[in-house]
Amino acid sequence: MEKLNKYKQQIVTFITIVLLATYGIFPALTAANTFLNILGGIGALLVWGGLSLYEYVKSTDGLVDVNELKEPKPKRKYTKKTK
C-alpha cells in the first residue's frame, strides 16, 4: 500500500490523460466535421506540450533559477568627489 501512495499522483495523471485521449481527442480527430478535427488536433498538441513541459520541469531545476528569485543587494550610489 505504501508503494501505491508513493505513485498515486502519477497514476491519477496517467489515467486522466488516457481517458482524455480516448474519449476526447481521438473521436474528435476521426469525426466527419472539420471544426472538430481542428479542435482535436489542438487538444492533442496541448496534452503533448503539457507533458513535455512537465518532463522538462521535472528533469531540470525548473524554469527559473532559485538564485534569480532572491532579492539583489542594493547597489552603492557613487558620488563625485569635489576637490
Protein backbone atom coordinates (compact mmCIF):
# COMPACT_ATOMS: atom_id res chain seq x y z
CA MET A 1 0.00 0.00 0.00
CA GLU A 2 2.94 2.30 0.67
CA LYS A 3 4.19 1.89 -2.91
CA LEU A 4 0.73 2.80 -4.20
CA ASN A 5 0.66 6.01 -2.15
CA LYS A 6 4.12 6.91 -3.44
CA TYR A 7 2.96 6.84 -7.08
CA LYS A 8 -0.63 7.98 -6.52
CA GLN A 9 -0.27 11.32 -8.34
CA GLN A 10 1.43 9.74 -11.35
CA ILE A 11 -1.23 7.02 -11.62
CA VAL A 12 -4.08 9.54 -11.48
CA THR A 13 -2.35 11.74 -14.08
CA PHE A 14 -1.80 8.79 -16.42
CA ILE A 15 -5.43 7.64 -16.12
CA THR A 16 -6.68 11.19 -16.75
CA ILE A 17 -4.57 11.56 -19.88
CA VAL A 18 -5.64 8.16 -21.22
CA LEU A 19 -9.33 8.96 -20.64
CA LEU A 20 -8.95 12.41 -22.20
CA ALA A 21 -7.27 10.95 -25.26
CA THR A 22 -9.71 8.04 -25.58
CA TYR A 23 -12.96 9.94 -25.20
CA GLY A 24 -11.98 13.46 -26.23
CA ILE A 25 -9.13 13.72 -28.69
CA PHE A 26 -9.32 10.55 -30.80
CA PRO A 27 -13.07 10.80 -31.55
CA ALA A 28 -12.60 14.46 -32.49
CA LEU A 29 -9.79 13.57 -34.88
CA THR A 30 -11.83 10.87 -36.61
CA ALA A 31 -15.08 12.85 -36.82
CA ALA A 32 -16.51 13.92 -40.17
CA ASN A 33 -16.61 17.54 -39.02
CA THR A 34 -13.59 19.69 -39.91
CA PHE A 35 -14.09 22.00 -36.93
CA LEU A 36 -13.97 19.03 -34.54
CA ASN A 37 -10.84 17.76 -36.30
CA ILE A 38 -9.14 21.09 -35.68
CA LEU A 39 -10.22 21.16 -32.02
CA GLY A 40 -8.99 17.58 -31.59
CA GLY A 41 -5.62 18.48 -33.10
CA ILE A 42 -5.29 21.49 -30.83
CA GLY A 43 -6.24 19.32 -27.84
CA ALA A 44 -3.65 16.72 -28.80
CA LEU A 45 -0.98 19.41 -29.09
CA LEU A 46 -1.94 20.86 -25.72
CA VAL A 47 -1.71 17.47 -23.99
CA TRP A 48 1.58 16.69 -25.72
CA GLY A 49 3.00 20.14 -24.91
CA GLY A 50 1.85 19.91 -21.30
CA LEU A 51 3.53 16.55 -20.87
CA SER A 52 6.73 17.85 -22.47
CA LEU A 53 6.74 20.89 -20.20
CA TYR A 54 6.09 18.70 -17.17
CA GLU A 55 9.01 16.42 -18.03
CA TYR A 56 11.27 19.41 -18.69
CA VAL A 57 10.48 20.98 -15.33
CA LYS A 58 10.98 17.67 -13.52
CA SER A 59 14.27 16.92 -15.28
CA THR A 60 15.80 20.33 -14.53
CA ASP A 61 15.62 22.59 -11.53
CA GLY A 62 12.64 24.37 -13.05
CA LEU A 63 12.15 27.21 -15.45
CA VAL A 64 13.65 29.83 -13.14
CA ASP A 65 16.86 29.52 -11.18
CA VAL A 66 16.31 29.77 -7.43
CA ASN A 67 19.15 32.28 -7.12
CA GLU A 68 17.39 34.59 -9.56
CA LEU A 69 14.40 34.80 -7.25
CA LYS A 70 16.45 36.18 -4.35
CA GLU A 71 16.42 39.91 -3.99
CA PRO A 72 19.57 41.55 -5.29
CA LYS A 73 21.79 43.50 -2.95
CA PRO A 74 21.34 47.24 -3.30
CA LYS A 75 23.98 48.88 -5.42
CA ARG A 76 26.20 51.58 -4.00
CA LYS A 77 25.48 55.09 -5.06
CA TYR A 78 28.63 56.70 -6.30
CA THR A 79 29.04 60.39 -5.76
CA LYS A 80 31.59 62.53 -7.45
CA LYS A 81 34.18 63.89 -5.04
CA THR A 82 34.70 67.60 -5.13
CA LYS A 83 38.22 68.98 -4.94
